[in-house]
Structures are given as C-alpha cells and as structure tokens.
Protein backbone atom coordinates (compact mmCIF):
# COMPACT_ATOMS: atom_id res chain seq x y z
CA MET A 1 0.00 0.00 0.00
CA LYS A 2 1.24 3.46 -0.87
CA THR A 3 2.07 5.48 2.25
CA GLU A 4 0.20 8.47 0.83
CA TRP A 5 -2.88 6.32 0.20
CA LYS A 6 -2.80 4.96 3.74
CA THR A 7 -2.63 8.51 5.09
CA PHE A 8 -5.54 9.48 2.84
CA LEU A 9 -7.64 6.60 4.19
CA ILE A 10 -6.76 7.43 7.80
CA ASP A 11 -7.92 10.99 7.15
CA HIS A 12 -11.25 9.45 6.09
CA GLY A 13 -11.58 7.48 9.32
CA ALA A 14 -9.79 4.22 8.48
CA GLU A 15 -8.44 2.15 11.36
CA PHE A 16 -5.45 -0.09 10.64
CA SER A 17 -3.66 -3.01 12.20
CA GLY A 18 -0.23 -2.69 10.61
CA ASP A 19 -0.93 -2.35 6.89
CA SER A 20 -4.27 -4.15 7.17
CA LEU A 21 -7.34 -1.92 7.14
CA VAL A 22 -9.70 -3.13 9.85
CA SER A 23 -12.68 -0.79 9.48
CA PHE A 24 -13.76 2.82 9.29
CA GLY A 25 -14.69 2.92 12.95
CA ASN A 26 -17.98 1.02 13.04
CA PRO A 27 -17.69 -2.49 11.57
CA GLU A 28 -21.20 -3.47 12.66
CA ARG A 29 -22.77 -0.56 10.81
CA GLU A 30 -20.49 -1.09 7.79
CA ARG A 31 -21.53 -4.74 7.57
CA ARG A 32 -25.22 -3.84 7.30
CA ILE A 33 -24.86 -1.50 4.33
CA PRO A 34 -24.61 -3.83 1.28
CA PRO A 35 -26.26 -4.67 -0.98
CA GLN A 36 -28.91 -1.95 -0.52
CA GLY A 37 -26.38 0.83 0.10
CA ALA A 38 -23.32 2.23 -1.68
CA ILE A 39 -19.87 1.27 -0.39
CA LEU A 40 -16.23 2.20 -0.96
CA CYS A 41 -13.63 -0.38 0.05
CA ASP A 42 -9.84 -0.30 0.00
CA LEU A 43 -8.55 -3.47 -1.70
CA SER A 44 -5.01 -3.55 -0.37
CA HIS A 45 -5.73 -7.03 1.01
CA PHE A 46 -5.11 -8.06 -2.60
CA GLY A 47 -1.56 -8.03 -3.89
CA LEU A 48 -0.74 -6.93 -7.43
CA ILE A 49 1.74 -8.67 -9.72
CA SER A 50 2.72 -6.78 -12.88
CA VAL A 51 3.77 -8.76 -15.95
CA SER A 52 5.41 -6.80 -18.76
CA GLY A 53 7.71 -7.28 -21.73
CA GLU A 54 7.34 -8.42 -25.31
CA ASP A 55 6.88 -12.06 -24.26
CA ALA A 56 4.39 -11.33 -21.45
CA THR A 57 1.35 -12.65 -23.33
CA THR A 58 3.07 -15.85 -24.44
CA PHE A 59 4.49 -16.44 -20.97
CA LEU A 60 1.15 -16.07 -19.16
CA GLN A 61 -0.61 -18.14 -21.81
CA GLY A 62 1.62 -21.06 -20.87
CA GLN A 63 1.10 -20.64 -17.12
CA LEU A 64 -2.54 -19.80 -16.35
CA THR A 65 -5.81 -21.67 -16.87
CA ASN A 66 -7.59 -19.05 -18.97
CA ASP A 67 -6.90 -17.64 -22.42
CA ILE A 68 -4.79 -14.55 -21.69
CA LYS A 69 -5.17 -13.44 -25.30
CA GLN A 70 -8.74 -12.47 -24.43
CA VAL A 71 -7.50 -9.84 -21.94
CA THR A 72 -7.44 -6.37 -23.50
CA ASP A 73 -7.74 -2.75 -22.42
CA THR A 74 -11.50 -3.26 -22.46
CA GLN A 75 -11.81 -6.83 -21.15
CA SER A 76 -10.48 -8.33 -17.90
CA GLN A 77 -10.55 -11.95 -16.78
CA LEU A 78 -10.72 -14.49 -13.97
CA SER A 79 -8.02 -17.17 -14.05
CA ALA A 80 -6.07 -19.63 -11.90
CA TYR A 81 -2.54 -20.96 -11.57
CA CYS A 82 -2.13 -24.69 -10.98
CA THR A 83 0.48 -27.20 -9.90
CA PRO A 84 1.46 -29.95 -12.37
CA LYS A 85 -1.08 -32.12 -10.50
CA GLY A 86 -3.85 -29.68 -11.40
CA ARG A 87 -4.32 -28.16 -7.94
CA ALA A 88 -5.09 -24.44 -7.85
CA LEU A 89 -2.23 -22.50 -6.28
CA ALA A 90 -4.07 -19.19 -6.66
CA THR A 91 -6.95 -17.46 -8.38
CA PHE A 92 -6.54 -14.07 -10.07
CA PHE A 93 -8.42 -11.17 -11.51
CA ILE A 94 -6.32 -10.12 -14.52
CA THR A 95 -6.47 -6.62 -15.96
CA LYS A 96 -4.42 -5.01 -18.73
CA ARG A 97 -3.31 -1.41 -18.37
CA GLN A 98 -0.93 0.55 -20.60
CA GLY A 99 0.42 -2.67 -22.11
CA VAL A 100 1.06 -4.31 -18.71
CA TYR A 101 -0.89 -7.20 -17.20
CA TYR A 102 -1.86 -6.87 -13.54
CA LEU A 103 -2.69 -10.02 -11.58
CA SER A 104 -4.76 -9.33 -8.47
CA VAL A 105 -4.15 -12.11 -5.94
CA SER A 106 -4.67 -12.74 -2.23
CA ARG A 107 -1.90 -10.74 -0.56
CA ASP A 108 -0.64 -13.72 1.48
CA LEU A 109 0.06 -15.54 -1.81
CA LEU A 110 1.84 -12.72 -3.61
CA GLU A 111 5.42 -13.61 -2.68
CA PRO A 112 5.19 -17.40 -3.25
CA ILE A 113 3.32 -16.96 -6.55
CA LEU A 114 5.74 -14.30 -7.76
CA LYS A 115 8.68 -16.53 -6.86
CA ARG A 116 7.14 -19.53 -8.63
CA LEU A 117 6.29 -17.62 -11.80
CA ARG A 118 9.82 -16.21 -12.00
CA MET A 119 11.20 -19.77 -11.99
CA TYR A 120 9.65 -20.31 -15.41
CA VAL A 121 10.73 -17.10 -17.12
CA MET A 122 13.89 -18.76 -18.49
CA ARG A 123 14.95 -16.72 -21.54
CA SER A 124 11.58 -15.10 -22.09
CA LYS A 125 11.59 -11.32 -22.38
CA VAL A 126 9.23 -10.76 -19.48
CA ALA A 127 9.46 -8.93 -16.15
CA LEU A 128 7.41 -9.86 -13.09
CA GLU A 129 7.21 -7.39 -10.20
CA ASP A 130 5.33 -6.74 -6.99
CA ALA A 131 3.19 -3.76 -8.07
CA SER A 132 1.18 -3.51 -4.85
CA THR A 133 2.59 -0.09 -4.01
CA SER A 134 2.74 1.29 -7.55
CA LEU A 135 -1.02 1.71 -8.02
CA VAL A 136 -3.96 2.41 -5.74
CA HIS A 137 -6.49 -0.43 -5.58
CA PHE A 138 -10.05 0.09 -4.33
CA GLY A 139 -13.64 -1.03 -4.92
CA PHE A 140 -17.00 0.67 -5.34
CA ALA A 141 -20.44 -0.97 -5.30
CA ALA A 142 -23.92 0.57 -5.29
CA PRO A 143 -27.41 -0.20 -6.62
CA ASP A 144 -26.94 2.78 -8.95
CA GLY A 145 -23.16 2.41 -9.20
CA ASP A 146 -23.09 2.45 -12.99
CA ILE A 147 -25.13 5.66 -13.05
CA ARG A 148 -22.83 7.29 -10.47
CA LEU A 149 -19.73 6.46 -12.52
CA GLN A 150 -21.39 7.75 -15.68
CA GLU A 151 -22.19 11.02 -13.93
CA ILE A 152 -18.57 11.42 -12.79
CA LEU A 153 -16.61 9.89 -15.68
CA GLY A 154 -19.04 10.08 -18.57
CA LYS A 155 -19.21 6.28 -18.96
CA ALA A 156 -18.94 3.01 -17.02
CA PRO A 157 -18.27 -0.65 -17.86
CA ALA A 158 -21.59 -2.45 -18.18
CA ASN A 159 -21.04 -6.20 -17.77
CA ALA A 160 -18.85 -8.41 -15.58
CA TYR A 161 -15.18 -8.08 -16.61
CA ASP A 162 -15.86 -5.20 -18.99
CA THR A 163 -13.04 -2.70 -18.42
CA LEU A 164 -12.67 1.05 -18.89
CA GLN A 165 -9.47 3.12 -19.16
CA ILE A 166 -10.03 6.77 -18.27
CA ASN A 167 -8.23 9.62 -16.48
CA GLY A 168 -5.32 7.47 -15.29
CA LEU A 169 -7.77 4.88 -13.94
CA THR A 170 -8.55 1.30 -14.95
CA ILE A 171 -12.07 0.30 -13.92
CA MET A 172 -13.26 -3.31 -14.11
CA CYS A 173 -16.87 -4.37 -13.59
CA GLN A 174 -17.02 -7.36 -11.22
CA PRO A 175 -19.70 -10.02 -10.68
CA ALA A 176 -22.30 -9.00 -8.09
CA PRO A 177 -26.09 -8.63 -7.76
CA ILE A 178 -25.60 -4.85 -7.99
CA PRO A 179 -23.10 -2.82 -10.07
CA ARG A 180 -19.65 -3.39 -8.57
CA PHE A 181 -16.29 -2.08 -9.76
CA LYS A 182 -12.61 -2.72 -9.02
CA ILE A 183 -10.48 0.36 -9.63
CA LEU A 184 -6.73 0.61 -10.27
CA GLY A 185 -5.12 3.96 -10.70
CA GLU A 186 -2.52 6.59 -10.03
CA LEU A 187 -2.68 8.12 -6.57
CA ASP A 188 -4.08 11.55 -7.45
CA ASP A 189 -6.69 10.20 -9.87
CA ALA A 190 -7.78 7.54 -7.37
CA LYS A 191 -8.10 10.08 -4.56
CA LYS A 192 -10.25 12.36 -6.72
CA LEU A 193 -12.61 9.53 -7.71
CA TRP A 194 -12.86 8.26 -4.12
CA GLU A 195 -13.74 11.77 -2.90
CA ARG A 196 -16.50 12.18 -5.47
CA LEU A 197 -17.96 8.72 -4.85
CA ASN A 198 -17.73 9.24 -1.09
CA VAL A 199 -20.44 11.91 -1.30
CA ASN A 200 -23.04 9.14 -1.64
CA ALA A 201 -21.19 6.04 -0.38
CA ALA A 202 -20.01 4.67 2.97
CA CYS A 203 -16.41 3.62 3.55
CA VAL A 204 -16.24 -0.01 4.73
CA GLY A 205 -13.79 -2.75 5.64
CA ARG A 206 -12.97 -5.76 3.50
CA SER A 207 -15.74 -8.07 4.80
CA SER A 208 -18.40 -6.20 2.81
CA TRP A 209 -16.40 -6.73 -0.39
CA GLU A 210 -15.90 -10.40 0.44
CA TYR A 211 -19.65 -10.74 0.97
CA PHE A 212 -20.19 -9.83 -2.69
CA ASN A 213 -17.67 -12.49 -3.77
CA VAL A 214 -19.57 -15.08 -1.72
CA MET A 215 -22.92 -13.97 -3.17
CA SER A 216 -21.48 -14.15 -6.69
CA GLY A 217 -19.85 -17.55 -6.24
CA VAL A 218 -16.37 -16.27 -7.11
CA PRO A 219 -13.69 -18.31 -5.27
CA MET A 220 -10.71 -16.54 -3.76
CA VAL A 221 -7.85 -18.95 -3.06
CA THR A 222 -5.66 -17.87 -0.15
CA GLN A 223 -2.57 -19.38 1.42
CA ALA A 224 -4.77 -21.59 3.61
CA SER A 225 -6.48 -23.15 0.58
CA SER A 226 -3.63 -23.09 -1.94
CA GLU A 227 -3.13 -26.48 -3.64
CA ALA A 228 -6.28 -27.91 -2.04
CA TRP A 229 -8.59 -28.14 -5.06
CA VAL A 230 -8.60 -28.54 -8.83
CA PRO A 231 -10.31 -25.67 -10.71
CA GLN A 232 -13.52 -27.62 -11.37
CA MET A 233 -14.03 -28.10 -7.62
CA LEU A 234 -13.94 -24.29 -7.35
CA ASN A 235 -16.52 -23.92 -10.17
CA MET A 236 -13.92 -22.09 -12.26
CA HIS A 237 -15.14 -23.85 -15.40
CA LEU A 238 -18.67 -22.56 -14.70
CA ILE A 239 -17.64 -18.91 -14.40
CA ASN A 240 -15.29 -18.63 -17.39
CA GLY A 241 -12.10 -19.11 -15.39
CA VAL A 242 -10.75 -22.02 -17.47
CA SER A 243 -10.19 -22.35 -21.20
CA PHE A 244 -10.17 -25.90 -22.58
CA THR A 245 -9.04 -24.75 -26.04
CA LYS A 246 -6.10 -22.40 -25.31
CA GLY A 247 -3.39 -25.07 -25.09
CA CYS A 248 -1.06 -26.29 -22.38
CA PHE A 249 -0.59 -24.93 -18.86
CA PRO A 250 0.65 -26.61 -15.66
CA GLY A 251 -1.89 -29.26 -14.66
CA GLN A 252 -3.76 -28.92 -17.96
CA GLU A 253 -3.79 -32.68 -18.62
CA ILE A 254 -5.47 -33.42 -15.29
CA VAL A 255 -7.94 -30.53 -15.61
CA ALA A 256 -8.86 -31.61 -19.15
CA ARG A 257 -9.12 -35.28 -18.20
CA LEU A 258 -11.62 -34.40 -15.48
CA LYS A 259 -13.73 -32.60 -18.06
CA TYR A 260 -13.61 -35.13 -20.88
CA LEU A 261 -13.03 -38.51 -19.21
CA GLY A 262 -14.42 -38.20 -15.72
CA LYS A 263 -16.56 -36.11 -13.43
CA SER A 264 -15.68 -34.20 -10.31
CA LYS A 265 -17.17 -35.60 -7.11
CA ARG A 266 -16.95 -32.16 -5.51
CA GLN A 267 -17.99 -28.65 -6.41
CA MET A 268 -18.37 -25.31 -4.70
CA TYR A 269 -21.61 -24.25 -3.01
CA ARG A 270 -22.82 -21.13 -1.24
CA ILE A 271 -24.00 -21.84 2.28
CA GLY A 272 -25.48 -19.90 5.19
CA ILE A 273 -24.99 -20.71 8.87
CA PRO A 274 -27.79 -18.94 10.80
CA HIS A 275 -26.98 -17.84 14.37
CA CYS A 276 -23.25 -18.45 13.79
CA VAL A 277 -21.48 -15.12 14.31
CA ASN A 278 -17.89 -16.37 14.37
CA THR A 279 -16.37 -16.77 10.92
CA PRO A 280 -15.02 -20.33 10.52
CA GLU A 281 -11.43 -20.81 9.46
CA ILE A 282 -10.58 -21.63 5.87
CA GLY A 283 -10.21 -25.41 5.61
CA LYS A 284 -12.71 -26.10 8.40
CA ASN A 285 -14.71 -29.25 7.68
CA PHE A 286 -18.43 -29.62 8.27
CA ALA A 287 -20.63 -32.69 8.30
CA SER A 288 -23.76 -34.22 6.84
CA ASN A 289 -25.85 -36.77 8.68
CA THR A 290 -23.81 -39.53 6.97
CA ASP A 291 -20.35 -38.02 6.36
CA PRO A 292 -18.22 -36.13 8.93
CA GLU A 293 -16.28 -34.47 6.10
CA ALA A 294 -19.06 -33.55 3.69
CA GLY A 295 -17.62 -30.13 2.92
CA THR A 296 -14.81 -27.67 3.57
CA ILE A 297 -14.94 -23.89 4.05
CA LEU A 298 -13.19 -21.95 1.27
CA ASN A 299 -14.23 -18.31 1.88
CA ALA A 300 -16.42 -17.03 4.70
CA THR A 301 -17.70 -13.69 5.96
CA LEU A 302 -20.57 -12.21 7.96
CA ASN A 303 -23.63 -11.16 5.96
CA PRO A 304 -25.65 -7.98 6.68
CA ASP A 305 -27.77 -9.91 9.21
CA GLY A 306 -24.66 -10.76 11.20
CA TYR A 307 -24.36 -14.48 10.56
CA VAL A 308 -21.93 -16.48 8.47
CA GLU A 309 -22.20 -16.98 4.72
CA ALA A 310 -19.54 -18.97 2.95
CA LEU A 311 -18.33 -20.64 -0.20
CA ALA A 312 -17.57 -24.28 0.52
CA VAL A 313 -16.21 -27.15 -1.52
CA MET A 314 -18.56 -30.08 -0.94
CA LYS A 315 -19.08 -33.65 -2.00
CA ILE A 316 -21.90 -33.45 -4.51
CA ALA A 317 -23.49 -36.60 -3.08
CA GLU A 318 -23.84 -34.91 0.34
CA ALA A 319 -25.12 -31.54 -0.83
CA HIS A 320 -28.83 -32.25 -0.36
CA LYS A 321 -28.56 -33.96 3.03
CA PRO A 322 -28.92 -32.25 6.42
CA LEU A 323 -25.65 -30.41 7.11
CA HIS A 324 -24.15 -28.88 10.22
CA LEU A 325 -21.03 -27.12 11.45
CA GLY A 326 -20.77 -28.14 15.07
CA GLU A 327 -24.00 -27.07 16.76
CA TYR A 328 -25.12 -24.93 13.82
CA ALA A 329 -27.39 -26.15 11.02
CA ILE A 330 -26.31 -25.19 7.51
CA GLN A 331 -28.57 -23.80 4.80
CA MET A 332 -27.91 -24.19 1.09
CA LEU A 333 -28.11 -20.80 -0.66
CA GLU A 334 -28.51 -20.04 -4.34
CA LEU A 335 -25.67 -19.11 -6.66
CA PRO A 336 -26.16 -16.91 -9.74
CA TYR A 337 -25.15 -19.76 -12.05
CA ALA A 338 -26.20 -23.36 -12.54
CA LEU A 339 -24.30 -26.14 -10.76
CA GLU A 340 -23.65 -29.64 -11.98
CA THR A 341 -25.65 -32.52 -10.58
CA GLU A 342 -24.40 -35.88 -9.41
C-alpha cells in the first residue's frame, strides 16, 4: 500500500492493524450497508503482480488456466494458476493497463506466486514485479453504481469483466447482484474519484467486499487453501475461469481429463450458517448426517444480518442432506449460475 494512500484513508476514518485496514470505525454498521447501500472499500488485502515485456502474453498463456489473449484494455478476466497435479495455487483477476498485465491475488500468496512464476521465465523477455505499491487499488459498489460512474466519468463498464481506461484509472466491472467495480489507478486520480464517490457512499472494511464475492460464487484462493482443489471443484469452469481450447498450462492434462473422461465428485456451493457469528477458518470441515467431512470452508464472511455466509467445496453426493457445522445447522443458498448434478 502506498504510504500516501494509507494517510488518505486514515484521514477518512480508516483504522489499521499494521498495513491491514480493519474498518472505518464502526464495523457493525459497515456490515449492514450492502447490498442496498453504496460502499467504498480499500482493496489492499489483494496483492498486485505486474507482468510486462514483449513475451508477457506468451508467458502467461503457458502458465494460467484461462486464455490470456482475451485480456485487453477493455476486457479483464478471472483465471487460476495450478500445480502440475492440477491443484489451484491461486486465483486471479487479470487486468491489462498501458500494455502491462496486472494479476490481483490474495496478498498472502503474492510472494510465493511471484517466486514460482519467476522460476519459469527462463529466456523469455518478461518482467514480473510486486506492483502492490505502484497503483492504488479500491472497490466501489452501489445499486446505482453504474449511473454514479457515468455522472462522474461520462461512462462506465456495463457487464462483468468489462473494463474502462479513463483519467489514469482502470475500472473493471465485477460479478455481483448490484453494479460493482474494481479500480486501479494513479494516486491523485484515485483520490479524486474516491472523494466524489464518497459523497453518496459509505467507507467499509474488506468483509463487505468479500460478501459480494460469496454472493457471486467467485472463489478466492488464499494461502490456507492453496493447492487444495482442482479448478472444477472451485466452479472455475462454470464462471469462465478455465479455457479448454487455449493449449497447455501446468496441470492442464489433469484438468482436461476431469472434463472429458471423468466427473468431479466435488464442487463449490454457497452456504449460510444462521446464528453463527464467528467466521469459521478456511479449511474447516463440516458434516452431513452420513459423512463427517461432507464439505470444507473456502471463503467465509458475515452477511448484513450478522451471521456467516460462505463458499464451501462439498461432495456433490452430500449436498442435499442435512448439514451442520458443530451445533449450527447449515442452509444451502442459491448461486447466480447453474451447478452440476451428481
């Protein structure tokens, strides 16, 4: 995080623990705002990896699960990076800006992923850098968010992953039940946009942003879940995070074999845990009435009502049985896309 950006956020009421933004003073109130209200959220809990050079496209095409050639100044992408055994090391939002690719990844994975990618550069003309402090990174979501951006900027990206380059800013529309945008930009331009949006929006901590990811069924792999699941178990093939026609990438044979010659026994579901107000750890198992390890927590946060919602990787055969996490019954919640059946 840029020091100047941190100071700017503190001036707007942000409370930090080290470099981690905790809240803007009232986490309970902040949690209740989405999706009916407008929010602004610092996204420094994501790290940024920049990939540049004349071989950048070719290099990333051989490393990631999606077709990097589809990423342009006007189109971003969701992708993953796998081990040779097909296990997802990380998931990324990928955006192109001024000829450079930016990979947005869980901050606790930035260093190991950057180190691993650099191992495969070989003689390629490509540079990989930690860009987390080079650009400001924040989010905006509101029921009329597209209208607000149009009023301020003259236009706004309309559909998920549509991307806009304007005034030193790169703005990507993200999946959500309301208009939601991830913004990368130079410090001064980012501060100006934040100030204008702040007239009608509340500043919030990261949990509100994570709530939208849970609602949208977008998996965020962190250090605690790295190498745990193949992309299909994270529904990446259902949300355009995997290309089966782009060619080779690490783990591609296993990922393709699961698609063409087999069927995954697990997939990702959205669940609610009423009355549970303590967010379960990533990797926590929960049970059905017949299986003590029916599912595993992938991402979890508190919803506006104050109880846990989560994305969980579950055995498909257990998904329609009574489920519980300790003393708490689990509800199955809808996702905005169709799941596979057993």
